[in-house]
Amino acid sequence: MEITIGGRNVLTTYHHLIMKADLNKIKAGNEYPYLHIERVTEENLFKLEGAYFSTNPMKRMLLDSKSLFEGYALCNSFGKCLSYVWIAYKGADQRHYRIRNINCFLFKISTMPEYRGKGYCPFLLQQIALVLKEKGIHNVYLAVMKNNKSAIRAYEKSGFYSVGRRIFVRFLRYNIPYHRL
C-alpha cells in the first residue's frame, strides 16, 4: 500500500518474511578460496560505493553506534566488493533499526548485480555465522520482502528458515521498526 500527497510518497507498507538461523547448525565451507570477508570501517566504506544505498547513513551508524552495528563485505583477491551485509546487535537504537528482544539482526544484505547467481550471498552469510559464533551469538534473524524469491532461496541455502511474517511501514523517509524485534 502506498499513500501519495502532491506526487510524494508519504506512507508505504512492505510485507516481510522474518527468517531465523541457528548458527550452530551452519557449516561454513571454503568453496571460494579466492574470497575473504572484510569488516567495514570508516576508512574502507568507499568499497561499497555503487551499492543500493547511500554510504552516509552507514558511516553515521559506524561512528555513532558504539559497536552495536557492523558491516562486512565479501571481497575478491583484488579487493573488489561482491556482496555485503550489515549487522545490528541487541541494544542498537538507530532510527531505522531498534533491536530489543533478539541478539542479532542482519539487514541491507546484497550482492552486486554482476555477481548474482554465483552463490556468493550464501557463502558470505556462512562466513558471517562464524564471526557471530565467535561472539557467542547462537541465533540470527533477518527480514526479506515476501516476493523476493531469489533472496529467500539464498537465505535458505545459508541455513535460514521462516519464523513468521511482519508488515513493515515507512512513513515519509523514516522506517517504523518492527515492534517485536
C-alpha atoms as a PDB file:
ATOM      1  CA  MET A   1       0.000   0.000   0.000  1.00  0.00           C
ATOM      2  CA  GLU A   2       1.230   3.485  -0.811  1.00  0.00           C
ATOM      3  CA  ILE A   3      -0.189   6.887   0.060  1.00  0.00           C
ATOM      4  CA  THR A   4       0.938   9.812  -2.086  1.00  0.00           C
ATOM      5  CA  ILE A   5       0.419  13.523  -1.404  1.00  0.00           C
ATOM      6  CA  GLY A   6       1.416  16.052  -4.046  1.00  0.00           C
ATOM      7  CA  GLY A   7       3.233  13.370  -6.013  1.00  0.00           C
ATOM      8  CA  ARG A   8       5.356  12.430  -2.987  1.00  0.00           C
ATOM      9  CA  ASN A   9       5.111   9.011  -1.400  1.00  0.00           C
ATOM     10  CA  VAL A  10       4.429   9.547   2.326  1.00  0.00           C
ATOM     11  CA  LEU A  11       3.436   6.063   3.532  1.00  0.00           C
ATOM     12  CA  THR A  12       4.409   2.652   2.203  1.00  0.00           C
ATOM     13  CA  THR A  13       3.855  -0.790   3.669  1.00  0.00           C
ATOM     14  CA  TYR A  14       6.013  -3.803   2.876  1.00  0.00           C
ATOM     15  CA  HIS A  15       5.168  -7.418   3.621  1.00  0.00           C
ATOM     16  CA  HIS A  16       8.235  -9.159   5.005  1.00  0.00           C
ATOM     17  CA  LEU A  17       9.095 -12.719   5.805  1.00  0.00           C
ATOM     18  CA  ILE A  18      11.068 -12.997   9.062  1.00  0.00           C
ATOM     19  CA  MET A  19      13.767 -15.662   8.873  1.00  0.00           C
ATOM     20  CA  LYS A  20      15.973 -17.175  11.541  1.00  0.00           C
ATOM     21  CA  ALA A  21      19.133 -19.270  11.539  1.00  0.00           C
ATOM     22  CA  ASP A  22      20.558 -21.431  14.305  1.00  0.00           C
ATOM     23  CA  LEU A  23      24.256 -20.661  13.883  1.00  0.00           C
ATOM     24  CA  ASN A  24      25.316 -23.927  15.496  1.00  0.00           C
ATOM     25  CA  LYS A  25      23.796 -25.778  12.516  1.00  0.00           C
ATOM     26  CA  ILE A  26      25.528 -23.710   9.833  1.00  0.00           C
ATOM     27  CA  LYS A  27      28.709 -25.155   8.399  1.00  0.00           C
ATOM     28  CA  ALA A  28      30.904 -22.707   6.522  1.00  0.00           C
ATOM     29  CA  GLY A  29      32.670 -24.171   3.530  1.00  0.00           C
ATOM     30  CA  ASN A  30      35.640 -22.862   1.626  1.00  0.00           C
ATOM     31  CA  GLU A  31      34.400 -23.324  -1.932  1.00  0.00           C
ATOM     32  CA  TYR A  32      35.708 -19.853  -2.819  1.00  0.00           C
ATOM     33  CA  PRO A  33      39.318 -19.748  -1.557  1.00  0.00           C
ATOM     34  CA  TYR A  34      39.963 -16.513  -3.504  1.00  0.00           C
ATOM     35  CA  LEU A  35      37.304 -14.653  -1.477  1.00  0.00           C
ATOM     36  CA  HIS A  36      37.509 -13.193   2.003  1.00  0.00           C
ATOM     37  CA  ILE A  37      35.334 -11.066   4.276  1.00  0.00           C
ATOM     38  CA  GLU A  38      36.373  -7.638   5.483  1.00  0.00           C
ATOM     39  CA  ARG A  39      34.856  -5.732   8.369  1.00  0.00           C
ATOM     40  CA  VAL A  40      33.596  -2.396   7.062  1.00  0.00           C
ATOM     41  CA  THR A  41      35.255   0.595   8.676  1.00  0.00           C
ATOM     42  CA  GLU A  42      35.005   4.291   8.024  1.00  0.00           C
ATOM     43  CA  GLU A  43      38.240   4.006   6.027  1.00  0.00           C
ATOM     44  CA  ASN A  44      37.106   1.223   3.662  1.00  0.00           C
ATOM     45  CA  LEU A  45      33.424   2.128   3.363  1.00  0.00           C
ATOM     46  CA  PHE A  46      34.203   3.511  -0.110  1.00  0.00           C
ATOM     47  CA  LYS A  47      34.348  -0.090  -1.393  1.00  0.00           C
ATOM     48  CA  LEU A  48      30.573  -0.179  -1.101  1.00  0.00           C
ATOM     49  CA  GLU A  49      30.100   2.874  -3.315  1.00  0.00           C
ATOM     50  CA  GLY A  50      27.684   1.996  -6.065  1.00  0.00           C
ATOM     51  CA  ALA A  51      25.742  -0.261  -3.738  1.00  0.00           C
ATOM     52  CA  TYR A  52      21.995   0.241  -3.461  1.00  0.00           C
ATOM     53  CA  PHE A  53      22.166   2.653  -0.545  1.00  0.00           C
ATOM     54  CA  SER A  54      23.911   5.837   0.409  1.00  0.00           C
ATOM     55  CA  THR A  55      27.055   5.246   2.430  1.00  0.00           C
ATOM     56  CA  ASN A  56      26.439   8.377   4.549  1.00  0.00           C
ATOM     57  CA  PRO A  57      23.837   6.777   6.872  1.00  0.00           C
ATOM     58  CA  MET A  58      26.088   3.719   7.187  1.00  0.00           C
ATOM     59  CA  LYS A  59      29.007   5.949   8.111  1.00  0.00           C
ATOM     60  CA  ARG A  60      26.877   7.601  10.813  1.00  0.00           C
ATOM     61  CA  MET A  61      25.885   4.182  12.153  1.00  0.00           C
ATOM     62  CA  LEU A  62      29.508   3.095  12.333  1.00  0.00           C
ATOM     63  CA  LEU A  63      30.581   6.278  14.120  1.00  0.00           C
ATOM     64  CA  ASP A  64      27.618   6.731  16.475  1.00  0.00           C
ATOM     65  CA  SER A  65      26.656   3.178  17.296  1.00  0.00           C
ATOM     66  CA  LYS A  66      29.164   2.266  20.000  1.00  0.00           C
ATOM     67  CA  SER A  67      29.800  -1.019  18.124  1.00  0.00           C
ATOM     68  CA  LEU A  68      26.140  -2.073  18.010  1.00  0.00           C
ATOM     69  CA  PHE A  69      26.255  -2.012  14.199  1.00  0.00           C
ATOM     70  CA  GLU A  70      28.815  -3.703  11.973  1.00  0.00           C
ATOM     71  CA  GLY A  71      29.160  -4.196   8.267  1.00  0.00           C
ATOM     72  CA  TYR A  72      31.014  -6.933   6.403  1.00  0.00           C
ATOM     73  CA  ALA A  73      31.888  -7.164   2.729  1.00  0.00           C
ATOM     74  CA  LEU A  74      32.771 -10.242   0.719  1.00  0.00           C
ATOM     75  CA  CYS A  75      35.762  -9.238  -1.407  1.00  0.00           C
ATOM     76  CA  ASN A  76      37.785 -10.927  -4.101  1.00  0.00           C
ATOM     77  CA  SER A  77      41.573 -11.076  -4.180  1.00  0.00           C
ATOM     78  CA  PHE A  78      41.659  -7.665  -5.898  1.00  0.00           C
ATOM     79  CA  GLY A  79      39.711  -6.047  -3.044  1.00  0.00           C
ATOM     80  CA  LYS A  80      36.509  -5.643  -5.086  1.00  0.00           C
ATOM     81  CA  CYS A  81      33.322  -5.904  -3.007  1.00  0.00           C
ATOM     82  CA  LEU A  82      30.996  -8.608  -4.360  1.00  0.00           C
ATOM     83  CA  SER A  83      28.428  -8.816  -1.582  1.00  0.00           C
ATOM     84  CA  TYR A  84      27.797  -7.189   1.796  1.00  0.00           C
ATOM     85  CA  VAL A  85      25.746  -7.458   4.966  1.00  0.00           C
ATOM     86  CA  TRP A  86      25.076  -5.167   7.920  1.00  0.00           C
ATOM     87  CA  ILE A  87      24.518  -6.421  11.465  1.00  0.00           C
ATOM     88  CA  ALA A  88      22.569  -4.792  14.293  1.00  0.00           C
ATOM     89  CA  TYR A  89      23.189  -6.163  17.769  1.00  0.00           C
ATOM     90  CA  LYS A  90      20.869  -6.151  20.766  1.00  0.00           C
ATOM     91  CA  GLY A  91      20.503  -2.648  22.135  1.00  0.00           C
ATOM     92  CA  ALA A  92      21.026  -0.959  18.780  1.00  0.00           C
ATOM     93  CA  ASP A  93      18.890   2.158  18.717  1.00  0.00           C
ATOM     94  CA  GLN A  94      19.028   3.957  15.440  1.00  0.00           C
ATOM     95  CA  ARG A  95      16.082   5.492  13.674  1.00  0.00           C
ATOM     96  CA  HIS A  96      15.844   2.584  11.230  1.00  0.00           C
ATOM     97  CA  TYR A  97      16.663  -0.355  13.495  1.00  0.00           C
ATOM     98  CA  ARG A  98      15.744  -0.760  17.144  1.00  0.00           C
ATOM     99  CA  ILE A  99      16.770  -4.202  18.315  1.00  0.00           C
ATOM    100  CA  ARG A 100      15.386  -5.210  21.711  1.00  0.00           C
ATOM    101  CA  ASN A 101      14.291  -8.832  22.010  1.00  0.00           C
ATOM    102  CA  ILE A 102      16.867 -10.637  19.878  1.00  0.00           C
ATOM    103  CA  ASN A 103      20.653 -10.651  19.920  1.00  0.00           C
ATOM    104  CA  CYS A 104      21.360 -10.085  16.254  1.00  0.00           C
ATOM    105  CA  PHE A 105      19.568  -8.879  13.115  1.00  0.00           C
ATOM    106  CA  LEU A 106      21.038  -8.848   9.592  1.00  0.00           C
ATOM    107  CA  PHE A 107      19.997  -6.100   7.198  1.00  0.00           C
ATOM    108  CA  LYS A 108      20.962  -4.494   3.879  1.00  0.00           C
ATOM    109  CA  ILE A 109      22.133  -7.841   2.515  1.00  0.00           C
ATOM    110  CA  SER A 110      23.009  -7.529  -1.133  1.00  0.00           C
ATOM    111  CA  THR A 111      25.173  -8.868  -3.907  1.00  0.00           C
ATOM    112  CA  MET A 112      26.335  -6.561  -6.666  1.00  0.00           C
ATOM    113  CA  PRO A 113      24.269  -7.252  -9.814  1.00  0.00           C
ATOM    114  CA  GLU A 114      27.141  -8.598 -11.904  1.00  0.00           C
ATOM    115  CA  TYR A 115      27.928 -11.226  -9.220  1.00  0.00           C
ATOM    116  CA  ARG A 116      24.411 -12.529  -8.533  1.00  0.00           C
ATOM    117  CA  GLY A 117      23.540 -16.189  -9.031  1.00  0.00           C
ATOM    118  CA  LYS A 118      27.047 -17.436  -8.225  1.00  0.00           C
ATOM    119  CA  GLY A 119      26.431 -18.476  -4.601  1.00  0.00           C
ATOM    120  CA  TYR A 120      28.256 -15.530  -3.041  1.00  0.00           C
ATOM    121  CA  CYS A 121      25.425 -14.443  -0.719  1.00  0.00           C
ATOM    122  CA  PRO A 122      25.070 -17.864   0.967  1.00  0.00           C
ATOM    123  CA  PHE A 123      28.864 -18.042   1.235  1.00  0.00           C
ATOM    124  CA  LEU A 124      29.003 -14.582   2.857  1.00  0.00           C
ATOM    125  CA  LEU A 125      26.273 -15.489   5.345  1.00  0.00           C
ATOM    126  CA  GLN A 126      28.065 -18.719   6.241  1.00  0.00           C
ATOM    127  CA  GLN A 127      31.246 -16.740   6.907  1.00  0.00           C
ATOM    128  CA  ILE A 128      29.271 -14.217   8.999  1.00  0.00           C
ATOM    129  CA  ALA A 129      27.893 -17.152  11.005  1.00  0.00           C
ATOM    130  CA  LEU A 130      31.491 -17.975  12.022  1.00  0.00           C
ATOM    131  CA  VAL A 131      32.106 -14.368  13.108  1.00  0.00           C
ATOM    132  CA  LEU A 132      28.888 -14.280  15.143  1.00  0.00           C
ATOM    133  CA  LYS A 133      29.555 -17.671  16.781  1.00  0.00           C
ATOM    134  CA  GLU A 134      32.919 -16.327  17.960  1.00  0.00           C
ATOM    135  CA  LYS A 135      30.969 -13.508  19.650  1.00  0.00           C
ATOM    136  CA  GLY A 136      28.750 -16.029  21.450  1.00  0.00           C
ATOM    137  CA  ILE A 137      25.669 -15.430  19.300  1.00  0.00           C
ATOM    138  CA  HIS A 138      23.682 -18.585  18.526  1.00  0.00           C
ATOM    139  CA  ASN A 139      20.656 -17.274  16.591  1.00  0.00           C
ATOM    140  CA  VAL A 140      20.338 -14.568  13.984  1.00  0.00           C
ATOM    141  CA  TYR A 141      17.335 -13.048  12.220  1.00  0.00           C
ATOM    142  CA  LEU A 142      16.684 -11.172   9.003  1.00  0.00           C
ATOM    143  CA  ALA A 143      13.691  -9.796   7.128  1.00  0.00           C
ATOM    144  CA  VAL A 144      13.095 -10.134   3.405  1.00  0.00           C
ATOM    145  CA  MET A 145      10.256  -8.963   1.210  1.00  0.00           C
ATOM    146  CA  LYS A 146       7.999 -11.976   0.782  1.00  0.00           C
ATOM    147  CA  ASN A 147       8.033 -11.688  -3.020  1.00  0.00           C
ATOM    148  CA  ASN A 148      11.864 -11.677  -3.269  1.00  0.00           C
ATOM    149  CA  LYS A 149      12.159 -15.362  -4.183  1.00  0.00           C
ATOM    150  CA  SER A 150      15.843 -15.299  -5.171  1.00  0.00           C
ATOM    151  CA  ALA A 151      16.872 -13.772  -1.832  1.00  0.00           C
ATOM    152  CA  ILE A 152      14.709 -16.249   0.077  1.00  0.00           C
ATOM    153  CA  ARG A 153      16.405 -19.132  -1.781  1.00  0.00           C
ATOM    154  CA  ALA A 154      19.858 -17.709  -0.975  1.00  0.00           C
ATOM    155  CA  TYR A 155      18.966 -17.357   2.705  1.00  0.00           C
ATOM    156  CA  GLU A 156      17.552 -20.881   2.838  1.00  0.00           C
ATOM    157  CA  LYS A 157      20.798 -22.190   1.285  1.00  0.00           C
ATOM    158  CA  SER A 158      22.582 -20.406   4.129  1.00  0.00           C
ATOM    159  CA  GLY A 159      20.534 -22.204   6.792  1.00  0.00           C
ATOM    160  CA  PHE A 160      17.734 -19.678   7.421  1.00  0.00           C
ATOM    161  CA  TYR A 161      14.108 -20.693   7.761  1.00  0.00           C
ATOM    162  CA  SER A 162      10.844 -18.770   8.028  1.00  0.00           C
ATOM    163  CA  VAL A 163       9.542 -17.950  11.502  1.00  0.00           C
ATOM    164  CA  GLY A 164       6.768 -15.500  10.618  1.00  0.00           C
ATOM    165  CA  ARG A 165       5.555 -12.521   8.657  1.00  0.00           C
ATOM    166  CA  ARG A 166       5.501  -8.834   9.534  1.00  0.00           C
ATOM    167  CA  ILE A 167       4.273  -5.676   7.888  1.00  0.00           C
ATOM    168  CA  PHE A 168       6.958  -3.035   7.721  1.00  0.00           C
ATOM    169  CA  VAL A 169       5.887   0.608   7.468  1.00  0.00           C
ATOM    170  CA  ARG A 170       7.842   3.527   6.048  1.00  0.00           C
ATOM    171  CA  PHE A 171       6.440   6.985   6.807  1.00  0.00           C
ATOM    172  CA  LEU A 172       7.924   9.839   4.782  1.00  0.00           C
ATOM    173  CA  ARG A 173      11.566   8.738   4.737  1.00  0.00           C
ATOM    174  CA  TYR A 174      11.597   7.062   8.149  1.00  0.00           C
ATOM    175  CA  ASN A 175      11.217   3.380   8.856  1.00  0.00           C
ATOM    176  CA  ILE A 176       8.892   2.405  11.663  1.00  0.00           C
ATOM    177  CA  PRO A 177      10.638  -0.560  13.329  1.00  0.00           C
ATOM    178  CA  TYR A 178       9.141  -3.968  13.882  1.00  0.00           C
ATOM    179  CA  HIS A 179       7.624  -3.815  17.335  1.00  0.00           C
ATOM    180  CA  ARG A 180       8.790  -7.293  18.363  1.00  0.00           C
ATOM    181  CA  LEU A 181      12.428  -7.245  17.301  1.00  0.00           C
END
